[in-house]
N, C-alpha and C. Protein backbone atom coordinates (compact mmCIF):
# COMPACT_ATOMS: atom_id res chain seq x y z
N UNK A 1 -8.82 15.88 5.33
CA UNK A 1 -8.66 15.39 3.98
C UNK A 1 -7.86 14.10 4.00
N UNK A 2 -8.36 13.08 3.33
CA UNK A 2 -7.69 11.80 3.26
C UNK A 2 -6.70 11.80 2.11
N UNK A 3 -5.48 11.35 2.38
CA UNK A 3 -4.44 11.26 1.38
C UNK A 3 -3.94 9.83 1.30
N UNK A 4 -3.83 9.31 0.07
CA UNK A 4 -3.40 7.95 -0.17
C UNK A 4 -2.15 7.99 -1.03
N UNK A 5 -1.08 7.33 -0.60
CA UNK A 5 0.19 7.36 -1.31
C UNK A 5 0.78 5.96 -1.41
N UNK A 6 1.01 5.50 -2.64
CA UNK A 6 1.58 4.18 -2.88
C UNK A 6 3.07 4.26 -3.19
N UNK A 7 3.76 3.15 -2.98
CA UNK A 7 5.16 3.04 -3.33
C UNK A 7 5.51 1.57 -3.49
N UNK A 8 6.68 1.30 -4.04
CA UNK A 8 7.18 -0.06 -4.14
C UNK A 8 7.13 -0.68 -5.51
N UNK A 9 6.57 0.02 -6.48
CA UNK A 9 6.52 -0.51 -7.83
C UNK A 9 7.89 -0.52 -8.48
N UNK A 10 7.98 -1.21 -9.60
CA UNK A 10 9.23 -1.29 -10.32
C UNK A 10 9.16 -2.32 -11.41
N UNK A 11 10.32 -2.66 -11.95
CA UNK A 11 10.42 -3.66 -13.02
C UNK A 11 10.99 -4.95 -12.47
N UNK A 12 10.41 -6.05 -12.88
CA UNK A 12 10.84 -7.36 -12.41
C UNK A 12 10.63 -8.38 -13.51
N UNK A 13 11.44 -9.41 -13.52
CA UNK A 13 11.28 -10.49 -14.49
C UNK A 13 10.17 -11.44 -14.06
N UNK A 14 9.61 -12.12 -15.03
CA UNK A 14 8.57 -13.10 -14.74
C UNK A 14 9.05 -14.09 -13.69
N UNK A 15 8.17 -14.39 -12.74
CA UNK A 15 8.51 -15.27 -11.65
C UNK A 15 9.02 -14.57 -10.42
N UNK A 16 9.29 -13.28 -10.54
CA UNK A 16 9.82 -12.52 -9.43
C UNK A 16 8.75 -12.02 -8.49
N UNK A 17 9.19 -11.22 -7.52
CA UNK A 17 8.30 -10.73 -6.47
C UNK A 17 8.49 -9.24 -6.25
N UNK A 18 7.44 -8.61 -5.77
CA UNK A 18 7.46 -7.20 -5.38
C UNK A 18 6.54 -7.02 -4.19
N UNK A 19 6.83 -6.00 -3.39
CA UNK A 19 5.96 -5.62 -2.30
C UNK A 19 5.57 -4.17 -2.46
N UNK A 20 4.30 -3.91 -2.57
CA UNK A 20 3.77 -2.57 -2.65
C UNK A 20 3.32 -2.09 -1.28
N UNK A 21 3.49 -0.80 -1.03
CA UNK A 21 3.08 -0.22 0.23
C UNK A 21 2.15 0.95 -0.02
N UNK A 22 1.24 1.18 0.90
CA UNK A 22 0.29 2.27 0.80
C UNK A 22 0.12 2.90 2.17
N UNK A 23 0.34 4.19 2.24
CA UNK A 23 0.14 4.93 3.48
C UNK A 23 -1.09 5.82 3.33
N UNK A 24 -2.02 5.66 4.23
CA UNK A 24 -3.24 6.45 4.23
C UNK A 24 -3.21 7.39 5.42
N UNK A 25 -3.40 8.67 5.17
CA UNK A 25 -3.40 9.67 6.23
C UNK A 25 -4.70 10.47 6.17
N UNK A 26 -4.99 11.15 7.26
CA UNK A 26 -6.18 11.96 7.33
C UNK A 26 -7.45 11.21 7.68
N UNK A 27 -7.31 9.98 8.14
CA UNK A 27 -8.48 9.19 8.51
C UNK A 27 -9.10 9.71 9.80
N UNK A 28 -10.40 9.89 9.78
CA UNK A 28 -11.11 10.38 10.94
C UNK A 28 -11.92 9.27 11.60
N UNK A 29 -12.51 8.41 10.80
CA UNK A 29 -13.35 7.34 11.30
C UNK A 29 -12.60 6.02 11.31
N UNK A 30 -12.95 5.17 12.25
CA UNK A 30 -12.20 3.93 12.45
C UNK A 30 -12.55 2.84 11.45
N UNK A 31 -13.76 2.82 10.96
CA UNK A 31 -14.20 1.76 10.08
C UNK A 31 -13.92 2.04 8.61
N UNK A 32 -12.75 1.61 8.14
CA UNK A 32 -12.36 1.83 6.75
C UNK A 32 -12.04 0.50 6.08
N UNK A 33 -12.37 0.43 4.81
CA UNK A 33 -11.92 -0.66 3.97
C UNK A 33 -10.75 -0.15 3.15
N UNK A 34 -9.81 -1.03 2.85
CA UNK A 34 -8.64 -0.67 2.06
C UNK A 34 -8.37 -1.76 1.05
N UNK A 35 -7.79 -1.37 -0.08
CA UNK A 35 -7.51 -2.37 -1.09
C UNK A 35 -6.66 -1.84 -2.22
N UNK A 36 -6.48 -2.70 -3.21
CA UNK A 36 -5.67 -2.39 -4.38
C UNK A 36 -6.46 -2.66 -5.65
N UNK A 37 -6.29 -1.79 -6.62
CA UNK A 37 -6.83 -1.99 -7.95
C UNK A 37 -5.73 -1.71 -8.96
N UNK A 38 -5.90 -2.17 -10.18
CA UNK A 38 -4.88 -1.97 -11.19
C UNK A 38 -5.51 -1.67 -12.53
N UNK A 39 -4.74 -0.98 -13.37
CA UNK A 39 -5.19 -0.66 -14.71
C UNK A 39 -4.00 -0.69 -15.65
N UNK A 40 -4.18 -1.35 -16.78
CA UNK A 40 -3.16 -1.44 -17.81
C UNK A 40 -3.72 -0.86 -19.10
N UNK A 41 -2.85 -0.35 -19.98
CA UNK A 41 -3.33 0.18 -21.27
C UNK A 41 -4.15 -0.85 -22.03
N UNK A 42 -5.29 -0.41 -22.53
CA UNK A 42 -6.15 -1.30 -23.29
C UNK A 42 -7.02 -2.21 -22.45
N UNK A 43 -6.92 -2.11 -21.14
CA UNK A 43 -7.71 -2.95 -20.26
C UNK A 43 -8.50 -2.08 -19.29
N UNK A 44 -9.61 -2.61 -18.83
CA UNK A 44 -10.40 -1.91 -17.83
C UNK A 44 -9.79 -2.12 -16.44
N UNK A 45 -10.14 -1.24 -15.54
CA UNK A 45 -9.67 -1.37 -14.17
C UNK A 45 -10.12 -2.68 -13.55
N UNK A 46 -9.26 -3.25 -12.73
CA UNK A 46 -9.54 -4.51 -12.07
C UNK A 46 -9.25 -4.40 -10.59
N UNK A 47 -10.22 -4.73 -9.77
CA UNK A 47 -9.97 -4.83 -8.35
C UNK A 47 -9.10 -6.03 -8.07
N UNK A 48 -8.07 -5.86 -7.25
CA UNK A 48 -7.08 -6.91 -7.01
C UNK A 48 -7.31 -7.61 -5.68
N UNK A 49 -7.34 -6.85 -4.60
CA UNK A 49 -7.47 -7.42 -3.27
C UNK A 49 -7.93 -6.34 -2.31
N UNK A 50 -8.60 -6.74 -1.24
CA UNK A 50 -9.10 -5.79 -0.27
C UNK A 50 -9.14 -6.41 1.12
N UNK A 51 -9.24 -5.55 2.12
CA UNK A 51 -9.38 -5.99 3.50
C UNK A 51 -10.27 -4.99 4.23
N UNK A 52 -11.20 -5.49 5.03
CA UNK A 52 -12.09 -4.60 5.75
C UNK A 52 -11.58 -4.38 7.17
N UNK A 53 -12.38 -3.69 7.98
CA UNK A 53 -11.94 -3.32 9.32
C UNK A 53 -11.84 -4.51 10.27
N UNK A 54 -12.40 -5.64 9.88
CA UNK A 54 -12.32 -6.85 10.68
C UNK A 54 -11.21 -7.80 10.23
N UNK A 55 -10.48 -7.41 9.19
CA UNK A 55 -9.42 -8.24 8.68
C UNK A 55 -9.85 -9.22 7.62
N UNK A 56 -11.10 -9.18 7.21
CA UNK A 56 -11.58 -10.07 6.16
C UNK A 56 -11.04 -9.62 4.82
N UNK A 57 -10.56 -10.56 4.02
CA UNK A 57 -9.92 -10.24 2.75
C UNK A 57 -10.70 -10.77 1.57
N UNK A 58 -10.51 -10.13 0.43
CA UNK A 58 -11.01 -10.62 -0.84
C UNK A 58 -9.88 -10.56 -1.85
N UNK A 59 -9.92 -11.46 -2.83
CA UNK A 59 -8.91 -11.51 -3.88
C UNK A 59 -9.57 -11.77 -5.22
N UNK A 60 -9.04 -11.14 -6.24
CA UNK A 60 -9.45 -11.48 -7.59
C UNK A 60 -8.95 -12.87 -7.93
N UNK A 61 -9.72 -13.59 -8.73
CA UNK A 61 -9.31 -14.93 -9.12
C UNK A 61 -7.95 -14.95 -9.80
N UNK A 62 -7.63 -13.88 -10.49
CA UNK A 62 -6.39 -13.81 -11.24
C UNK A 62 -5.14 -13.75 -10.36
N UNK A 63 -5.31 -13.42 -9.07
CA UNK A 63 -4.15 -13.28 -8.20
C UNK A 63 -4.18 -14.21 -6.99
N UNK A 64 -5.23 -14.98 -6.82
CA UNK A 64 -5.33 -15.88 -5.68
C UNK A 64 -4.17 -16.87 -5.67
N UNK A 65 -3.59 -17.03 -4.50
CA UNK A 65 -2.46 -17.93 -4.36
C UNK A 65 -1.12 -17.29 -4.66
N UNK A 66 -1.12 -16.10 -5.24
CA UNK A 66 0.12 -15.42 -5.58
C UNK A 66 0.28 -14.11 -4.82
N UNK A 67 -0.81 -13.40 -4.59
CA UNK A 67 -0.77 -12.11 -3.90
C UNK A 67 -1.34 -12.24 -2.50
N UNK A 68 -0.81 -11.46 -1.58
CA UNK A 68 -1.32 -11.41 -0.22
C UNK A 68 -1.46 -9.95 0.20
N UNK A 69 -2.64 -9.60 0.70
CA UNK A 69 -2.86 -8.25 1.19
C UNK A 69 -2.68 -8.24 2.70
N UNK A 70 -1.94 -7.27 3.20
CA UNK A 70 -1.63 -7.17 4.62
C UNK A 70 -1.93 -5.75 5.08
N UNK A 71 -2.66 -5.63 6.17
CA UNK A 71 -3.05 -4.32 6.69
C UNK A 71 -2.49 -4.12 8.09
N UNK A 72 -1.77 -3.02 8.26
CA UNK A 72 -1.32 -2.59 9.57
C UNK A 72 -2.37 -1.61 10.09
N UNK A 73 -3.25 -2.08 10.95
CA UNK A 73 -4.35 -1.26 11.42
C UNK A 73 -3.88 -0.08 12.26
N UNK A 74 -2.83 -0.26 13.03
CA UNK A 74 -2.36 0.80 13.91
C UNK A 74 -1.79 1.98 13.14
N UNK A 75 -1.10 1.69 12.04
CA UNK A 75 -0.41 2.74 11.29
C UNK A 75 -1.13 3.12 9.99
N UNK A 76 -2.22 2.46 9.70
CA UNK A 76 -2.94 2.69 8.45
C UNK A 76 -2.03 2.52 7.23
N UNK A 77 -1.26 1.45 7.26
CA UNK A 77 -0.39 1.10 6.14
C UNK A 77 -0.89 -0.21 5.54
N UNK A 78 -0.97 -0.24 4.25
CA UNK A 78 -1.44 -1.40 3.52
C UNK A 78 -0.32 -1.93 2.62
N UNK A 79 -0.16 -3.24 2.59
CA UNK A 79 0.85 -3.87 1.76
C UNK A 79 0.20 -4.84 0.78
N UNK A 80 0.86 -5.04 -0.33
CA UNK A 80 0.48 -6.07 -1.27
C UNK A 80 1.73 -6.86 -1.62
N UNK A 81 1.81 -8.08 -1.11
CA UNK A 81 2.92 -8.97 -1.42
C UNK A 81 2.57 -9.72 -2.70
N UNK A 82 3.40 -9.57 -3.72
CA UNK A 82 3.14 -10.17 -5.02
C UNK A 82 4.26 -11.15 -5.35
N UNK A 83 3.88 -12.37 -5.65
CA UNK A 83 4.83 -13.43 -5.99
C UNK A 83 4.43 -14.07 -7.30
N UNK A 84 5.38 -14.78 -7.90
CA UNK A 84 5.16 -15.46 -9.17
C UNK A 84 4.56 -14.53 -10.20
N UNK A 85 5.14 -13.36 -10.32
CA UNK A 85 4.60 -12.35 -11.22
C UNK A 85 4.76 -12.76 -12.68
N UNK A 86 3.79 -12.37 -13.47
CA UNK A 86 3.79 -12.64 -14.89
C UNK A 86 3.56 -11.35 -15.65
N UNK A 87 3.85 -11.31 -16.95
CA UNK A 87 3.60 -10.09 -17.72
C UNK A 87 2.15 -9.61 -17.65
N UNK A 88 1.22 -10.52 -17.41
CA UNK A 88 -0.18 -10.13 -17.30
C UNK A 88 -0.45 -9.28 -16.07
N UNK A 89 0.48 -9.25 -15.13
CA UNK A 89 0.34 -8.43 -13.94
C UNK A 89 0.82 -7.00 -14.16
N UNK A 90 1.41 -6.72 -15.30
CA UNK A 90 1.89 -5.38 -15.59
C UNK A 90 0.73 -4.39 -15.60
N UNK A 91 0.84 -3.35 -14.78
CA UNK A 91 -0.24 -2.38 -14.66
C UNK A 91 0.18 -1.27 -13.71
N UNK A 92 -0.61 -0.22 -13.70
CA UNK A 92 -0.49 0.79 -12.67
C UNK A 92 -1.36 0.33 -11.50
N UNK A 93 -0.75 0.20 -10.35
CA UNK A 93 -1.46 -0.27 -9.17
C UNK A 93 -1.81 0.91 -8.27
N UNK A 94 -3.09 1.00 -7.95
CA UNK A 94 -3.60 2.07 -7.10
C UNK A 94 -4.08 1.50 -5.78
N UNK A 95 -3.80 2.21 -4.73
CA UNK A 95 -4.36 1.91 -3.43
C UNK A 95 -5.65 2.69 -3.27
N UNK A 96 -6.64 2.10 -2.63
CA UNK A 96 -7.93 2.74 -2.45
C UNK A 96 -8.47 2.49 -1.05
N UNK A 97 -9.31 3.41 -0.59
CA UNK A 97 -9.91 3.29 0.72
C UNK A 97 -11.23 4.02 0.76
N UNK A 98 -12.05 3.67 1.74
CA UNK A 98 -13.33 4.35 1.92
C UNK A 98 -13.90 3.98 3.28
N UNK A 99 -14.88 4.75 3.73
CA UNK A 99 -15.59 4.42 4.95
C UNK A 99 -16.38 3.13 4.74
N UNK A 100 -16.28 2.22 5.68
CA UNK A 100 -16.85 0.90 5.50
C UNK A 100 -18.37 0.93 5.34
N UNK A 101 -19.05 1.77 6.08
CA UNK A 101 -20.50 1.83 6.01
C UNK A 101 -21.01 2.53 4.76
N UNK A 102 -20.13 3.14 4.01
CA UNK A 102 -20.52 3.91 2.84
C UNK A 102 -20.52 3.08 1.56
N UNK A 103 -19.82 1.96 1.56
CA UNK A 103 -19.58 1.24 0.32
C UNK A 103 -19.97 -0.22 0.43
N UNK A 104 -20.10 -0.84 -0.73
CA UNK A 104 -20.30 -2.27 -0.80
C UNK A 104 -18.98 -2.99 -0.61
N UNK A 105 -19.04 -4.19 -0.05
CA UNK A 105 -17.84 -4.97 0.21
C UNK A 105 -18.15 -6.44 0.04
N UNK A 106 -17.19 -7.19 -0.42
CA UNK A 106 -17.36 -8.62 -0.59
C UNK A 106 -16.73 -9.16 -1.85
N UNK A 107 -16.40 -8.26 -2.75
CA UNK A 107 -15.77 -8.63 -4.01
C UNK A 107 -14.74 -7.57 -4.38
N UNK A 108 -13.63 -7.96 -4.99
CA UNK A 108 -12.65 -6.95 -5.44
C UNK A 108 -13.25 -5.94 -6.41
N UNK A 109 -14.33 -6.31 -7.09
CA UNK A 109 -14.97 -5.37 -8.00
C UNK A 109 -15.47 -4.12 -7.28
N UNK A 110 -15.80 -4.25 -6.01
CA UNK A 110 -16.30 -3.12 -5.24
C UNK A 110 -15.25 -2.02 -5.08
N UNK A 111 -13.98 -2.37 -5.14
CA UNK A 111 -12.91 -1.41 -4.92
C UNK A 111 -13.00 -0.25 -5.90
N UNK A 112 -13.44 -0.53 -7.09
CA UNK A 112 -13.50 0.49 -8.13
C UNK A 112 -14.44 1.64 -7.79
N UNK A 113 -15.34 1.42 -6.84
CA UNK A 113 -16.31 2.44 -6.46
C UNK A 113 -15.92 3.22 -5.21
N UNK A 114 -14.78 2.92 -4.64
CA UNK A 114 -14.38 3.57 -3.39
C UNK A 114 -13.93 5.00 -3.62
N UNK A 115 -14.01 5.79 -2.58
CA UNK A 115 -13.89 7.23 -2.67
C UNK A 115 -12.45 7.73 -2.80
N UNK A 116 -11.53 7.14 -2.08
CA UNK A 116 -10.17 7.66 -2.01
C UNK A 116 -9.20 6.76 -2.77
N UNK A 117 -8.51 7.34 -3.73
CA UNK A 117 -7.53 6.64 -4.56
C UNK A 117 -6.18 7.33 -4.47
N UNK A 118 -5.12 6.55 -4.54
CA UNK A 118 -3.79 7.10 -4.71
C UNK A 118 -3.49 7.30 -6.18
N UNK A 119 -2.36 7.95 -6.45
CA UNK A 119 -1.98 8.23 -7.83
C UNK A 119 -1.42 7.01 -8.55
N UNK A 120 -1.01 6.00 -7.82
CA UNK A 120 -0.58 4.77 -8.43
C UNK A 120 0.93 4.57 -8.42
N UNK A 121 1.33 3.31 -8.49
CA UNK A 121 2.73 2.94 -8.64
C UNK A 121 2.82 1.88 -9.73
N UNK A 122 3.76 2.05 -10.64
CA UNK A 122 3.83 1.20 -11.83
C UNK A 122 4.55 -0.10 -11.53
N UNK A 123 3.95 -1.20 -11.96
CA UNK A 123 4.56 -2.52 -11.89
C UNK A 123 4.71 -3.04 -13.31
N UNK A 124 5.93 -3.37 -13.69
CA UNK A 124 6.20 -3.89 -15.02
C UNK A 124 6.91 -5.23 -14.90
N UNK A 125 6.33 -6.24 -15.51
CA UNK A 125 6.87 -7.59 -15.45
C UNK A 125 7.27 -8.01 -16.86
N UNK A 126 8.52 -8.34 -17.05
CA UNK A 126 9.04 -8.74 -18.35
C UNK A 126 9.04 -10.25 -18.47
N UNK A 127 8.93 -10.71 -19.71
CA UNK A 127 8.90 -12.14 -19.97
C UNK A 127 10.28 -12.73 -20.15
């Protein structure tokens, strides 16, 4: 059974930074994609960033240049470095993963269809 657990969320003022972490356990197959998605009240889910088994990354236009996704392949730990945060980034951030051959990849929108999700960590950015 695959288990996904996020941490690192919190409250920060606009312009600040946060680092989110995601630990994935129970992986059996080597080819996995991992990424982050977010959801805020009144808004639909948005894929944020992803990385495949080859290290190729994707980013939503809304976070390009501000967020960086980092994958520790050996430990199955995923990070999201967030800088220049704004109130528009306020959301519940979920880590997600799936078998690479099972899913579509190439756009952050694909993350929403992945099989394994964490319960989320809240990020709140004040103005």
